[in-house]
Every structure is written in structure tokens, then in C-alpha cells.
Amino acid sequence: MSRIITPSEVAQQLDVSESDLSFWRDNALGPRWIKLGKSTIRYVDSAVHDWLIGQLKEPTPVLTVEVRNESESALQRETLPDVD
């Protein structure tokens, strides 16, 4: 079951400052939030979780080639397939 949580709790969970959360709200960058009354901000914990999961990035494949001498290695002569 989802809980309603404060900006302080969200900031602590995400290890950011409350002012960062405020900036994110002002610029539509962070997790979805609710405004209650004139100035009370709250978050739904499941929405924060969904937003965080949406921030995951796929790792970029890296190929490291080490050349130990001046002559061309077999790997340098081989044609490697494109990596998507």
C-alpha cells in the first residue's frame, strides 16, 4: 500500500536536499507530487519509486584493447560487430 510522505522523507531517501526537490518541482524534473492547501507538498512513495526506476540508464558497453608490443595484434585485424 502506498504512503503519503513529506519532502524531507523523499530528500532523505534520494540523498538530495529539499531545495533540490523544490527546484525539480519548479522545473517538472523530479517525482510527481501533490500540493495540499497553499503550501503543503507531499509525495506518494510508489510514485517516487516509479520515477526513480525510470531514471535507470543502460550501461554503455566498453571495449578495452591492450597492445603489448608494436606489431599489430590479432584483435586489431579482426572486424568486430556493431554493439547496440
C-alpha atoms as a PDB file:
ATOM      1  CA  MET A   1       0.000   0.000   0.000  1.00  0.00           C
ATOM      2  CA  SER A   2       1.318   3.449  -0.894  1.00  0.00           C
ATOM      3  CA  ARG A   3       2.117   6.019   1.755  1.00  0.00           C
ATOM      4  CA  ILE A   4       1.951   9.796   1.608  1.00  0.00           C
ATOM      5  CA  ILE A   5       5.397  11.160   2.520  1.00  0.00           C
ATOM      6  CA  THR A   6       6.953  14.560   3.108  1.00  0.00           C
ATOM      7  CA  PRO A   7       9.598  16.287   1.013  1.00  0.00           C
ATOM      8  CA  SER A   8      12.008  15.707   3.893  1.00  0.00           C
ATOM      9  CA  GLU A   9      11.456  11.951   3.670  1.00  0.00           C
ATOM     10  CA  VAL A  10      11.886  11.973  -0.110  1.00  0.00           C
ATOM     11  CA  ALA A  11      15.058  14.054   0.148  1.00  0.00           C
ATOM     12  CA  GLN A  12      16.464  11.602   2.672  1.00  0.00           C
ATOM     13  CA  GLN A  13      15.553   8.574   0.523  1.00  0.00           C
ATOM     14  CA  LEU A  14      17.128  10.093  -2.601  1.00  0.00           C
ATOM     15  CA  ASP A  15      20.081  11.608  -0.717  1.00  0.00           C
ATOM     16  CA  VAL A  16      19.385  15.094  -2.077  1.00  0.00           C
ATOM     17  CA  SER A  17      18.483  18.368  -0.397  1.00  0.00           C
ATOM     18  CA  GLU A  18      14.937  19.639  -0.003  1.00  0.00           C
ATOM     19  CA  SER A  19      15.958  22.640  -2.102  1.00  0.00           C
ATOM     20  CA  ASP A  20      16.895  20.225  -4.910  1.00  0.00           C
ATOM     21  CA  LEU A  21      13.396  18.748  -4.695  1.00  0.00           C
ATOM     22  CA  SER A  22      11.920  22.238  -4.813  1.00  0.00           C
ATOM     23  CA  PHE A  23      13.977  23.043  -7.914  1.00  0.00           C
ATOM     24  CA  TRP A  24      12.853  19.776  -9.512  1.00  0.00           C
ATOM     25  CA  ARG A  25       9.188  20.605  -8.762  1.00  0.00           C
ATOM     26  CA  ASP A  26       9.562  24.089 -10.220  1.00  0.00           C
ATOM     27  CA  ASN A  27      11.094  22.641 -13.392  1.00  0.00           C
ATOM     28  CA  ALA A  28       8.997  19.447 -13.713  1.00  0.00           C
ATOM     29  CA  LEU A  29      12.100  17.262 -13.306  1.00  0.00           C
ATOM     30  CA  GLY A  30      11.539  15.091 -10.274  1.00  0.00           C
ATOM     31  CA  PRO A  31       8.942  12.674  -8.980  1.00  0.00           C
ATOM     32  CA  ARG A  32       5.266  13.531  -9.192  1.00  0.00           C
ATOM     33  CA  TRP A  33       3.978  15.407  -6.162  1.00  0.00           C
ATOM     34  CA  ILE A  34       0.789  16.716  -4.582  1.00  0.00           C
ATOM     35  CA  LYS A  35       0.095  20.217  -3.294  1.00  0.00           C
ATOM     36  CA  LEU A  36      -2.328  20.310  -0.371  1.00  0.00           C
ATOM     37  CA  GLY A  37      -3.648  23.738   0.509  1.00  0.00           C
ATOM     38  CA  LYS A  38      -1.470  26.763  -0.208  1.00  0.00           C
ATOM     39  CA  SER A  39       1.955  25.378   0.604  1.00  0.00           C
ATOM     40  CA  THR A  40       1.886  21.768   1.809  1.00  0.00           C
ATOM     41  CA  ILE A  41       3.797  19.457  -0.539  1.00  0.00           C
ATOM     42  CA  ARG A  42       3.524  15.685  -0.320  1.00  0.00           C
ATOM     43  CA  TYR A  43       4.659  12.716  -2.396  1.00  0.00           C
ATOM     44  CA  VAL A  44       3.256   9.230  -2.857  1.00  0.00           C
ATOM     45  CA  ASP A  45       6.050   6.777  -2.105  1.00  0.00           C
ATOM     46  CA  SER A  46       5.147   4.488  -5.034  1.00  0.00           C
ATOM     47  CA  ALA A  47       5.329   7.475  -7.428  1.00  0.00           C
ATOM     48  CA  VAL A  48       8.795   8.316  -6.090  1.00  0.00           C
ATOM     49  CA  HIS A  49       9.832   4.691  -6.608  1.00  0.00           C
ATOM     50  CA  ASP A  50       8.422   4.650 -10.168  1.00  0.00           C
ATOM     51  CA  TRP A  51      10.217   7.908 -11.002  1.00  0.00           C
ATOM     52  CA  LEU A  52      13.489   6.581  -9.600  1.00  0.00           C
ATOM     53  CA  ILE A  53      13.231   3.358 -11.626  1.00  0.00           C
ATOM     54  CA  GLY A  54      12.567   5.498 -14.706  1.00  0.00           C
ATOM     55  CA  GLN A  55      15.922   7.217 -14.152  1.00  0.00           C
ATOM     56  CA  LEU A  56      17.886   3.991 -14.650  1.00  0.00           C
ATOM     57  CA  LYS A  57      20.273   4.152 -17.576  1.00  0.00           C
ATOM     58  CA  GLU A  58      21.589   1.255 -19.611  1.00  0.00           C
ATOM     59  CA  PRO A  59      25.339   0.837 -19.218  1.00  0.00           C
ATOM     60  CA  THR A  60      27.435   1.822 -22.197  1.00  0.00           C
ATOM     61  CA  PRO A  61      29.460  -1.127 -23.476  1.00  0.00           C
ATOM     62  CA  VAL A  62      33.181  -0.517 -23.325  1.00  0.00           C
ATOM     63  CA  LEU A  63      35.813  -2.443 -25.227  1.00  0.00           C
ATOM     64  CA  THR A  64      39.352  -2.093 -23.950  1.00  0.00           C
ATOM     65  CA  VAL A  65      42.200  -3.256 -26.160  1.00  0.00           C
ATOM     66  CA  GLU A  66      45.658  -3.536 -24.724  1.00  0.00           C
ATOM     67  CA  VAL A  67      48.610  -3.651 -27.138  1.00  0.00           C
ATOM     68  CA  ARG A  68      51.712  -5.160 -25.583  1.00  0.00           C
ATOM     69  CA  ASN A  69      54.100  -4.653 -28.469  1.00  0.00           C
ATOM     70  CA  GLU A  70      54.454  -2.572 -31.607  1.00  0.00           C
ATOM     71  CA  SER A  71      53.289  -5.269 -34.018  1.00  0.00           C
ATOM     72  CA  GLU A  72      49.629  -5.465 -34.951  1.00  0.00           C
ATOM     73  CA  SER A  73      47.662  -7.851 -32.720  1.00  0.00           C
ATOM     74  CA  ALA A  74      45.099 -10.381 -33.984  1.00  0.00           C
ATOM     75  CA  LEU A  75      42.340  -8.375 -32.337  1.00  0.00           C
ATOM     76  CA  GLN A  76      43.352  -5.281 -34.280  1.00  0.00           C
ATOM     77  CA  ARG A  77      42.980  -7.191 -37.563  1.00  0.00           C
ATOM     78  CA  GLU A  78      39.591  -8.668 -36.621  1.00  0.00           C
ATOM     79  CA  THR A  79      36.385  -6.880 -37.584  1.00  0.00           C
ATOM     80  CA  LEU A  80      34.085  -6.628 -34.581  1.00  0.00           C
ATOM     81  CA  PRO A  81      30.298  -6.430 -34.917  1.00  0.00           C
ATOM     82  CA  ASP A  82      28.479  -3.221 -34.023  1.00  0.00           C
ATOM     83  CA  VAL A  83      27.198  -3.135 -30.459  1.00  0.00           C
ATOM     84  CA  ASP A  84      23.727  -1.708 -29.955  1.00  0.00           C
END
